PDB file of N, CA and C in Angstrom:
ATOM      1  N   MET A   1      15.156  16.289  -6.198  1.00  0.00           N
ATOM      2  CA  MET A   1      15.458  14.891  -5.919  1.00  0.00           C
ATOM      3  C   MET A   1      15.526  14.700  -4.402  1.00  0.00           C
ATOM      4  N   CYS A   2      14.951  13.647  -3.948  1.00  0.00           N
ATOM      5  CA  CYS A   2      14.864  13.319  -2.533  1.00  0.00           C
ATOM      6  C   CYS A   2      16.116  12.556  -2.079  1.00  0.00           C
ATOM      7  N   LYS A   3      16.814  13.080  -1.107  1.00  0.00           N
ATOM      8  CA  LYS A   3      18.027  12.433  -0.602  1.00  0.00           C
ATOM      9  C   LYS A   3      17.731  11.452   0.537  1.00  0.00           C
ATOM     10  N   LEU A   4      16.764  11.779   1.384  1.00  0.00           N
ATOM     11  CA  LEU A   4      16.456  10.948   2.547  1.00  0.00           C
ATOM     12  C   LEU A   4      15.402   9.900   2.211  1.00  0.00           C
ATOM     13  N   LEU A   5      15.653   8.682   2.618  1.00  0.00           N
ATOM     14  CA  LEU A   5      14.709   7.594   2.363  1.00  0.00           C
ATOM     15  C   LEU A   5      13.364   7.862   3.025  1.00  0.00           C
ATOM     16  N   SER A   6      13.391   8.458   4.202  1.00  0.00           N
ATOM     17  CA  SER A   6      12.145   8.725   4.919  1.00  0.00           C
ATOM     18  C   SER A   6      11.222   9.675   4.157  1.00  0.00           C
ATOM     19  N   ASP A   7      11.777  10.511   3.284  1.00  0.00           N
ATOM     20  CA  ASP A   7      10.985  11.465   2.507  1.00  0.00           C
ATOM     21  C   ASP A   7      10.609  10.958   1.123  1.00  0.00           C
ATOM     22  N   TRP A   8      11.143   9.813   0.731  1.00  0.00           N
ATOM     23  CA  TRP A   8      10.980   9.276  -0.620  1.00  0.00           C
ATOM     24  C   TRP A   8       9.720   8.420  -0.756  1.00  0.00           C
ATOM     25  N   ALA A   9       9.138   8.448  -1.936  1.00  0.00           N
ATOM     26  CA  ALA A   9       8.077   7.527  -2.358  1.00  0.00           C
ATOM     27  C   ALA A   9       8.379   7.184  -3.812  1.00  0.00           C
ATOM     28  N   PRO A  10       8.140   5.937  -4.227  1.00  0.00           N
ATOM     29  CA  PRO A  10       8.455   5.566  -5.611  1.00  0.00           C
ATOM     30  C   PRO A  10       7.624   6.371  -6.609  1.00  0.00           C
ATOM     31  N   SER A  11       8.263   6.722  -7.704  1.00  0.00           N
ATOM     32  CA  SER A  11       7.557   7.464  -8.753  1.00  0.00           C
ATOM     33  C   SER A  11       6.622   6.530  -9.518  1.00  0.00           C
ATOM     34  N   ALA A  12       5.676   7.121 -10.195  1.00  0.00           N
ATOM     35  CA  ALA A  12       4.759   6.336 -11.035  1.00  0.00           C
ATOM     36  C   ALA A  12       5.536   5.608 -12.114  1.00  0.00           C
ATOM     37  N   ALA A  13       6.557   6.254 -12.665  1.00  0.00           N
ATOM     38  CA  ALA A  13       7.370   5.624 -13.710  1.00  0.00           C
ATOM     39  C   ALA A  13       8.116   4.404 -13.164  1.00  0.00           C
ATOM     40  N   ALA A  14       8.619   4.499 -11.930  1.00  0.00           N
ATOM     41  CA  ALA A  14       9.315   3.362 -11.320  1.00  0.00           C
ATOM     42  C   ALA A  14       8.351   2.195 -11.122  1.00  0.00           C
ATOM     43  N   ILE A  15       7.170   2.472 -10.654  1.00  0.00           N
ATOM     44  CA  ILE A  15       6.169   1.419 -10.438  1.00  0.00           C
ATOM     45  C   ILE A  15       5.756   0.802 -11.768  1.00  0.00           C
ATOM     46  N   ASP A  16       5.556   1.616 -12.787  1.00  0.00           N
ATOM     47  CA  ASP A  16       5.207   1.095 -14.115  1.00  0.00           C
ATOM     48  C   ASP A  16       6.298   0.170 -14.649  1.00  0.00           C
ATOM     49  N   LEU A  17       7.549   0.562 -14.482  1.00  0.00           N
ATOM     50  CA  LEU A  17       8.663  -0.261 -14.942  1.00  0.00           C
ATOM     51  C   LEU A  17       8.708  -1.592 -14.195  1.00  0.00           C
ATOM     52  N   LEU A  18       8.457  -1.555 -12.902  1.00  0.00           N
ATOM     53  CA  LEU A  18       8.428  -2.793 -12.118  1.00  0.00           C
ATOM     54  C   LEU A  18       7.319  -3.727 -12.600  1.00  0.00           C
ATOM     55  N   LYS A  19       6.171  -3.176 -12.849  1.00  0.00           N
ATOM     56  CA  LYS A  19       5.049  -3.997 -13.320  1.00  0.00           C
ATOM     57  C   LYS A  19       5.347  -4.606 -14.684  1.00  0.00           C
ATOM     58  N   LEU A  20       6.051  -3.862 -15.548  1.00  0.00           N
ATOM     59  CA  LEU A  20       6.454  -4.404 -16.844  1.00  0.00           C
ATOM     60  C   LEU A  20       7.428  -5.574 -16.686  1.00  0.00           C
ATOM     61  N   ASN A  21       8.130  -5.608 -15.562  1.00  0.00           N
ATOM     62  CA  ASN A  21       9.077  -6.684 -15.269  1.00  0.00           C
ATOM     63  C   ASN A  21       8.465  -7.788 -14.410  1.00  0.00           C
ATOM     64  N   GLY A  22       7.158  -7.786 -14.291  1.00  0.00           N
ATOM     65  CA  GLY A  22       6.461  -8.868 -13.612  1.00  0.00           C
ATOM     66  C   GLY A  22       6.381  -8.757 -12.100  1.00  0.00           C
ATOM     67  N   VAL A  23       6.689  -7.600 -11.553  1.00  0.00           N
ATOM     68  CA  VAL A  23       6.585  -7.401 -10.104  1.00  0.00           C
ATOM     69  C   VAL A  23       5.166  -6.942  -9.800  1.00  0.00           C
ATOM     70  N   ASP A  24       4.489  -7.664  -8.907  1.00  0.00           N
ATOM     71  CA  ASP A  24       3.102  -7.304  -8.615  1.00  0.00           C
ATOM     72  C   ASP A  24       3.014  -6.290  -7.471  1.00  0.00           C
ATOM     73  N   ASP A  25       1.798  -5.778  -7.263  1.00  0.00           N
ATOM     74  CA  ASP A  25       1.573  -4.734  -6.258  1.00  0.00           C
ATOM     75  C   ASP A  25       1.984  -5.161  -4.856  1.00  0.00           C
ATOM     76  N   SER A  26       1.723  -6.407  -4.500  1.00  0.00           N
ATOM     77  CA  SER A  26       2.064  -6.850  -3.148  1.00  0.00           C
ATOM     78  C   SER A  26       3.572  -6.879  -2.936  1.00  0.00           C
ATOM     79  N   GLN A  27       4.336  -7.302  -3.946  1.00  0.00           N
ATOM     80  CA  GLN A  27       5.793  -7.310  -3.833  1.00  0.00           C
ATOM     81  C   GLN A  27       6.333  -5.878  -3.757  1.00  0.00           C
ATOM     82  N   ILE A  28       5.726  -4.978  -4.509  1.00  0.00           N
ATOM     83  CA  ILE A  28       6.129  -3.569  -4.466  1.00  0.00           C
ATOM     84  C   ILE A  28       5.913  -3.010  -3.067  1.00  0.00           C
ATOM     85  N   GLU A  29       4.748  -3.263  -2.493  1.00  0.00           N
ATOM     86  CA  GLU A  29       4.449  -2.770  -1.145  1.00  0.00           C
ATOM     87  C   GLU A  29       5.379  -3.379  -0.098  1.00  0.00           C
ATOM     88  N   LEU A  30       5.634  -4.677  -0.204  1.00  0.00           N
ATOM     89  CA  LEU A  30       6.557  -5.319   0.735  1.00  0.00           C
ATOM     90  C   LEU A  30       7.959  -4.731   0.625  1.00  0.00           C
ATOM     91  N   SER A  31       8.381  -4.434  -0.579  1.00  0.00           N
ATOM     92  CA  SER A  31       9.710  -3.864  -0.790  1.00  0.00           C
ATOM     93  C   SER A  31       9.813  -2.455  -0.220  1.00  0.00           C
ATOM     94  N   ILE A  32       8.779  -1.660  -0.394  1.00  0.00           N
ATOM     95  CA  ILE A  32       8.767  -0.312   0.178  1.00  0.00           C
ATOM     96  C   ILE A  32       8.853  -0.399   1.703  1.00  0.00           C
ATOM     97  N   LYS A  33       8.040  -1.259   2.291  1.00  0.00           N
ATOM     98  CA  LYS A  33       8.046  -1.407   3.753  1.00  0.00           C
ATOM     99  C   LYS A  33       9.409  -1.875   4.252  1.00  0.00           C
ATOM    100  N   TYR A  34      10.009  -2.822   3.541  1.00  0.00           N
ATOM    101  CA  TYR A  34      11.310  -3.320   3.963  1.00  0.00           C
ATOM    102  C   TYR A  34      12.361  -2.214   3.905  1.00  0.00           C
ATOM    103  N   LEU A  35      12.444  -1.528   2.788  1.00  0.00           N
ATOM    104  CA  LEU A  35      13.455  -0.479   2.640  1.00  0.00           C
ATOM    105  C   LEU A  35      13.282   0.618   3.685  1.00  0.00           C
ATOM    106  N   LYS A  36      12.046   1.032   3.923  1.00  0.00           N
ATOM    107  CA  LYS A  36      11.808   2.148   4.838  1.00  0.00           C
ATOM    108  C   LYS A  36      11.889   1.752   6.311  1.00  0.00           C
ATOM    109  N   ASN A  37      11.536   0.513   6.645  1.00  0.00           N
ATOM    110  CA  ASN A  37      11.425   0.135   8.056  1.00  0.00           C
ATOM    111  C   ASN A  37      12.472  -0.850   8.553  1.00  0.00           C
ATOM    112  N   GLU A  38      13.055  -1.640   7.666  1.00  0.00           N
ATOM    113  CA  GLU A  38      13.952  -2.694   8.125  1.00  0.00           C
ATOM    114  C   GLU A  38      15.383  -2.569   7.621  1.00  0.00           C
ATOM    115  N   SER A  39      15.632  -1.661   6.713  1.00  0.00           N
ATOM    116  CA  SER A  39      16.998  -1.470   6.241  1.00  0.00           C
ATOM    117  C   SER A  39      17.653  -0.366   7.072  1.00  0.00           C
ATOM    118  N   ASP A  40      18.956  -0.288   6.996  1.00  0.00           N
ATOM    119  CA  ASP A  40      19.698   0.762   7.690  1.00  0.00           C
ATOM    120  C   ASP A  40      19.966   1.948   6.784  1.00  0.00           C
ATOM    121  N   LEU A  41      19.312   1.989   5.637  1.00  0.00           N
ATOM    122  CA  LEU A  41      19.532   3.052   4.669  1.00  0.00           C
ATOM    123  C   LEU A  41      18.873   4.347   5.132  1.00  0.00           C
ATOM    124  N   VAL A  42      19.580   5.461   4.939  1.00  0.00           N
ATOM    125  CA  VAL A  42      19.054   6.760   5.347  1.00  0.00           C
ATOM    126  C   VAL A  42      19.144   7.772   4.215  1.00  0.00           C
ATOM    127  N   ASN A  43      20.344   7.941   3.648  1.00  0.00           N
ATOM    128  CA  ASN A  43      20.597   8.960   2.641  1.00  0.00           C
ATOM    129  C   ASN A  43      21.148   8.293   1.390  1.00  0.00           C
ATOM    130  N   ILE A  44      20.612   8.638   0.231  1.00  0.00           N
ATOM    131  CA  ILE A  44      21.047   8.012  -1.022  1.00  0.00           C
ATOM    132  C   ILE A  44      22.524   8.282  -1.292  1.00  0.00           C
ATOM    133  N   ASP A  45      23.062   9.367  -0.776  1.00  0.00           N
ATOM    134  CA  ASP A  45      24.487   9.667  -0.961  1.00  0.00           C
ATOM    135  C   ASP A  45      25.387   8.636  -0.288  1.00  0.00           C
ATOM    136  N   ASP A  46      24.835   7.879   0.657  1.00  0.00           N
ATOM    137  CA  ASP A  46      25.603   6.848   1.367  1.00  0.00           C
ATOM    138  C   ASP A  46      25.546   5.486   0.676  1.00  0.00           C
ATOM    139  N   VAL A  47      24.774   5.379  -0.402  1.00  0.00           N
ATOM    140  CA  VAL A  47      24.610   4.105  -1.104  1.00  0.00           C
ATOM    141  C   VAL A  47      25.492   4.133  -2.353  1.00  0.00           C
ATOM    142  N   LYS A  48      26.535   3.345  -2.324  1.00  0.00           N
ATOM    143  CA  LYS A  48      27.491   3.328  -3.429  1.00  0.00           C
ATOM    144  C   LYS A  48      26.842   2.776  -4.699  1.00  0.00           C
ATOM    145  N   GLY A  49      27.028   3.486  -5.793  1.00  0.00           N
ATOM    146  CA  GLY A  49      26.538   3.029  -7.086  1.00  0.00           C
ATOM    147  C   GLY A  49      25.151   3.530  -7.454  1.00  0.00           C
ATOM    148  N   TYR A  50      24.502   4.268  -6.568  1.00  0.00           N
ATOM    149  CA  TYR A  50      23.157   4.790  -6.861  1.00  0.00           C
ATOM    150  C   TYR A  50      23.111   6.276  -6.554  1.00  0.00           C
ATOM    151  N   ASP A  51      22.371   7.008  -7.387  1.00  0.00           N
ATOM    152  CA  ASP A  51      22.240   8.433  -7.138  1.00  0.00           C
ATOM    153  C   ASP A  51      20.800   8.859  -6.861  1.00  0.00           C
ATOM    154  N   ASN A  52      19.872   7.885  -6.893  1.00  0.00           N
ATOM    155  CA  ASN A  52      18.492   8.196  -6.516  1.00  0.00           C
ATOM    156  C   ASN A  52      17.794   6.935  -6.001  1.00  0.00           C
ATOM    157  N   TRP A  53      16.785   7.151  -5.192  1.00  0.00           N
ATOM    158  CA  TRP A  53      16.086   6.025  -4.552  1.00  0.00           C
ATOM    159  C   TRP A  53      15.316   5.176  -5.558  1.00  0.00           C
ATOM    160  N   ASN A  54      14.763   5.785  -6.602  1.00  0.00           N
ATOM    161  CA  ASN A  54      13.990   5.018  -7.571  1.00  0.00           C
ATOM    162  C   ASN A  54      14.839   3.954  -8.258  1.00  0.00           C
ATOM    163  N   SER A  55      16.060   4.299  -8.644  1.00  0.00           N
ATOM    164  CA  SER A  55      16.911   3.311  -9.320  1.00  0.00           C
ATOM    165  C   SER A  55      17.269   2.166  -8.374  1.00  0.00           C
ATOM    166  N   LEU A  56      17.585   2.479  -7.125  1.00  0.00           N
ATOM    167  CA  LEU A  56      17.870   1.433  -6.148  1.00  0.00           C
ATOM    168  C   LEU A  56      16.632   0.564  -5.921  1.00  0.00           C
ATOM    169  N   PHE A  57      15.490   1.208  -5.785  1.00  0.00           N
ATOM    170  CA  PHE A  57      14.240   0.493  -5.534  1.00  0.00           C
ATOM    171  C   PHE A  57      13.880  -0.451  -6.679  1.00  0.00           C
ATOM    172  N   ILE A  58      14.059   0.003  -7.909  1.00  0.00           N
ATOM    173  CA  ILE A  58      13.757  -0.841  -9.073  1.00  0.00           C
ATOM    174  C   ILE A  58      14.620  -2.099  -9.049  1.00  0.00           C
ATOM    175  N   MET A  59      15.919  -1.931  -8.855  1.00  0.00           N
ATOM    176  CA  MET A  59      16.821  -3.095  -8.821  1.00  0.00           C
ATOM    177  C   MET A  59      16.490  -4.008  -7.646  1.00  0.00           C
ATOM    178  N   PHE A  60      16.214  -3.439  -6.490  1.00  0.00           N
ATOM    179  CA  PHE A  60      15.870  -4.209  -5.306  1.00  0.00           C
ATOM    180  C   PHE A  60      14.625  -5.057  -5.554  1.00  0.00           C
ATOM    181  N   CYS A  61      13.594  -4.444  -6.093  1.00  0.00           N
ATOM    182  CA  CYS A  61      12.338  -5.170  -6.347  1.00  0.00           C
ATOM    183  C   CYS A  61      12.508  -6.279  -7.372  1.00  0.00           C
ATOM    184  N   ILE A  62      13.205  -5.998  -8.446  1.00  0.00           N
ATOM    185  CA  ILE A  62      13.395  -7.012  -9.486  1.00  0.00           C
ATOM    186  C   ILE A  62      14.169  -8.199  -8.935  1.00  0.00           C
ATOM    187  N   LYS A  63      15.231  -7.927  -8.176  1.00  0.00           N
ATOM    188  CA  LYS A  63      16.010  -9.024  -7.581  1.00  0.00           C
ATOM    189  C   LYS A  63      15.189  -9.792  -6.562  1.00  0.00           C
ATOM    190  N   ALA A  64      14.433  -9.104  -5.730  1.00  0.00           N
ATOM    191  CA  ALA A  64      13.601  -9.774  -4.730  1.00  0.00           C
ATOM    192  C   ALA A  64      12.522 -10.613  -5.408  1.00  0.00           C
ATOM    193  N   ASN A  65      11.967 -10.126  -6.490  1.00  0.00           N
ATOM    194  CA  ASN A  65      10.923 -10.850  -7.210  1.00  0.00           C
ATOM    195  C   ASN A  65      11.490 -12.100  -7.872  1.00  0.00           C
ATOM    196  N   LYS A  66      12.703 -12.033  -8.394  1.00  0.00           N
ATOM    197  CA  LYS A  66      13.323 -13.210  -9.014  1.00  0.00           C
ATOM    198  C   LYS A  66      13.611 -14.284  -7.992  1.00  0.00           C
ATOM    199  N   LYS A  67      14.012 -13.900  -6.785  1.00  0.00           N
ATOM    200  CA  LYS A  67      14.256 -14.879  -5.723  1.00  0.00           C
ATOM    201  C   LYS A  67      12.977 -15.605  -5.353  1.00  0.00           C
ATOM    202  N   ASN A  68      11.844 -14.893  -5.400  1.00  0.00           N
ATOM    203  CA  ASN A  68      10.551 -15.509  -5.079  1.00  0.00           C
ATOM    204  C   ASN A  68      10.094 -16.463  -6.164  1.00  0.00           C
ATOM    205  N   ASP A  69      10.547 -16.257  -7.407  1.00  0.00           N
ATOM    206  CA  ASP A  69      10.155 -17.113  -8.516  1.00  0.00           C
ATOM    207  C   ASP A  69      10.874 -18.455  -8.512  1.00  0.00           C
ATOM    208  N   ASN A  70      12.037 -18.519  -7.868  1.00  0.00           N
ATOM    209  CA  ASN A  70      12.851 -19.752  -7.891  1.00  0.00           C
ATOM    210  C   ASN A  70      12.408 -20.743  -6.858  1.00  0.00           C
TER     211      ASN A  70
END
């Protein structure tokens, strides 16, 4: 399991789940860029309530996608 955000890439399963929830490729790419380049996140151990980057990424993308739909 990858602890550092800089070393992480979303799994195929995470991307498949996002697509099943209506998140398109462009939103996925924008979310990856935002998390890696514009957030202050470094280590998953510092993020309360999450134990891996994929789970955080899935929730982040779904919430970001819902905001775009409104």
